[in-house]
C-alpha atoms as a PDB file:
ATOM      1  CA  MET A   1      12.191  19.936 238.467  1.00  0.00           C
ATOM      2  CA  TRP A   2      10.504  17.521 236.080  1.00  0.00           C
ATOM      3  CA  ASP A   3      10.818  18.168 232.355  1.00  0.00           C
ATOM      4  CA  ASN A   4       7.532  17.402 230.526  1.00  0.00           C
ATOM      5  CA  SER A   5       8.885  17.955 227.033  1.00  0.00           C
ATOM      6  CA  ARG A   6       8.308  15.151 224.549  1.00  0.00           C
ATOM      7  CA  GLU A   7      11.871  15.294 223.218  1.00  0.00           C
ATOM      8  CA  HIS A   8      13.084  12.695 225.741  1.00  0.00           C
ATOM      9  CA  VAL A   9      10.220  10.232 225.213  1.00  0.00           C
ATOM     10  CA  THR A  10      11.238   7.189 223.221  1.00  0.00           C
ATOM     11  CA  PRO A  11       8.834   5.736 220.647  1.00  0.00           C
ATOM     12  CA  GLU A  12       8.514   2.617 222.825  1.00  0.00           C
ATOM     13  CA  MET A  13       7.546   4.713 225.863  1.00  0.00           C
ATOM     14  CA  ASN A  14       5.052   6.696 223.803  1.00  0.00           C
ATOM     15  CA  LYS A  15       3.491   3.453 222.518  1.00  0.00           C
ATOM     16  CA  LEU A  16       3.207   2.131 226.085  1.00  0.00           C
ATOM     17  CA  ARG A  17       1.659   5.398 227.283  1.00  0.00           C
ATOM     18  CA  GLN A  18      -0.950   5.299 224.503  1.00  0.00           C
ATOM     19  CA  SER A  19      -1.803   1.653 225.190  1.00  0.00           C
ATOM     20  CA  LEU A  20      -2.553   2.453 228.844  1.00  0.00           C
ATOM     21  CA  ARG A  21      -4.967   5.272 228.062  1.00  0.00           C
ATOM     22  CA  ARG A  22      -8.660   4.494 228.388  1.00  0.00           C
ATOM     23  CA  LYS A  23     -10.436   4.538 225.092  1.00  0.00           C
ATOM     24  CA  LYS A  24     -13.931   5.993 224.930  1.00  0.00           C
ATOM     25  CA  PRO A  25     -16.441   3.612 223.376  1.00  0.00           C
ATOM     26  CA  THR A  26     -17.535   4.896 219.994  1.00  0.00           C
ATOM     27  CA  TYR A  27     -21.272   5.385 219.511  1.00  0.00           C
ATOM     28  CA  VAL A  28     -22.778   3.485 216.600  1.00  0.00           C
ATOM     29  CA  PRO A  29     -26.352   4.433 215.646  1.00  0.00           C
ATOM     30  CA  GLU A  30     -28.930   1.653 215.538  1.00  0.00           C
ATOM     31  CA  ALA A  31     -29.392   2.104 211.804  1.00  0.00           C
ATOM     32  CA  SER A  32     -25.748   1.089 211.379  1.00  0.00           C
ATOM     33  CA  ARG A  33     -26.227  -2.136 213.375  1.00  0.00           C
ATOM     34  CA  PRO A  34     -28.598  -4.208 211.236  1.00  0.00           C
ATOM     35  CA  HIS A  35     -26.930  -7.461 212.317  1.00  0.00           C
ATOM     36  CA  GLN A  36     -28.466  -6.987 215.771  1.00  0.00           C
ATOM     37  CA  TRP A  37     -31.995  -6.943 214.375  1.00  0.00           C
ATOM     38  CA  GLN A  38     -31.822  -9.681 211.722  1.00  0.00           C
ATOM     39  CA  ALA A  39     -33.379 -12.372 213.926  1.00  0.00           C
ATOM     40  CA  ASP A  40     -36.218 -10.029 214.946  1.00  0.00           C
ATOM     41  CA  GLU A  41     -36.849  -9.001 211.354  1.00  0.00           C
ATOM     42  CA  GLU A  42     -36.942 -12.631 210.243  1.00  0.00           C
ATOM     43  CA  ALA A  43     -39.462 -13.511 212.975  1.00  0.00           C
ATOM     44  CA  VAL A  44     -41.692 -10.590 211.976  1.00  0.00           C
ATOM     45  CA  ARG A  45     -41.577 -11.515 208.301  1.00  0.00           C
ATOM     46  CA  LYS A  46     -42.478 -15.148 209.106  1.00  0.00           C
ATOM     47  CA  GLY A  47     -45.386 -14.033 211.292  1.00  0.00           C
ATOM     48  CA  LYS A  48     -43.950 -15.533 214.468  1.00  0.00           C
ATOM     49  CA  CYS A  49     -44.387 -12.394 216.594  1.00  0.00           C
ATOM     50  CA  ASN A  50     -47.299 -11.316 218.738  1.00  0.00           C
ATOM     51  CA  PHE A  51     -48.078  -7.699 219.518  1.00  0.00           C
ATOM     52  CA  ALA A  52     -50.495  -6.585 222.223  1.00  0.00           C
ATOM     53  CA  VAL A  53     -51.398  -3.451 220.248  1.00  0.00           C
ATOM     54  CA  ARG A  54     -54.430  -3.270 217.991  1.00  0.00           C
ATOM     55  CA  TYR A  55     -54.265   0.281 216.707  1.00  0.00           C
ATOM     56  CA  LEU A  56     -52.497   3.337 218.059  1.00  0.00           C
ATOM     57  CA  GLY A  57     -53.304   5.839 215.383  1.00  0.00           C
ATOM     58  CA  LEU A  58     -51.567   7.572 212.526  1.00  0.00           C
ATOM     59  CA  VAL A  59     -48.719  10.079 212.722  1.00  0.00           C
ATOM     60  CA  GLU A  60     -46.721  11.432 209.801  1.00  0.00           C
ATOM     61  CA  VAL A  61     -42.958  11.338 210.388  1.00  0.00           C
ATOM     62  CA  GLU A  62     -40.174  13.247 208.644  1.00  0.00           C
ATOM     63  CA  GLU A  63     -37.672  10.371 208.631  1.00  0.00           C
ATOM     64  CA  SER A  64     -38.222   6.697 207.928  1.00  0.00           C
ATOM     65  CA  ARG A  65     -35.553   5.301 210.284  1.00  0.00           C
ATOM     66  CA  GLY A  66     -34.458   5.484 213.865  1.00  0.00           C
ATOM     67  CA  MET A  67     -35.768   4.735 217.307  1.00  0.00           C
ATOM     68  CA  HIS A  68     -36.024   8.436 218.091  1.00  0.00           C
ATOM     69  CA  VAL A  69     -38.531   8.822 215.253  1.00  0.00           C
ATOM     70  CA  CYS A  70     -40.695   6.036 216.703  1.00  0.00           C
ATOM     71  CA  GLU A  71     -40.463   7.458 220.215  1.00  0.00           C
ATOM     72  CA  GLU A  72     -41.547  10.937 219.069  1.00  0.00           C
ATOM     73  CA  ALA A  73     -44.454   9.485 217.070  1.00  0.00           C
ATOM     74  CA  VAL A  74     -45.703   7.543 220.115  1.00  0.00           C
ATOM     75  CA  LYS A  75     -45.444  10.679 222.260  1.00  0.00           C
ATOM     76  CA  LYS A  76     -47.614  12.526 219.735  1.00  0.00           C
ATOM     77  CA  LEU A  77     -50.149   9.692 219.757  1.00  0.00           C
ATOM     78  CA  LYS A  78     -50.384   9.768 223.532  1.00  0.00           C
ATOM     79  CA  VAL A  79     -51.351  13.452 223.458  1.00  0.00           C
END
């Protein structure tokens, strides 16, 4: 019979076992990734962007950041 107790596991074997485990990717919210949007922000500030929208309307939002806030506001405008 196989003994699953950890008493016989050497530190080296434990390190190897942990290195072979799959690590789940950690979720990082968009607000915490400003480096991904710096080029876009610079283009907007310099006026080098074109938008096909003239006016959608006005919706008050509770938060000032996050894609989910924008998505909910657009859903409200569509109704």
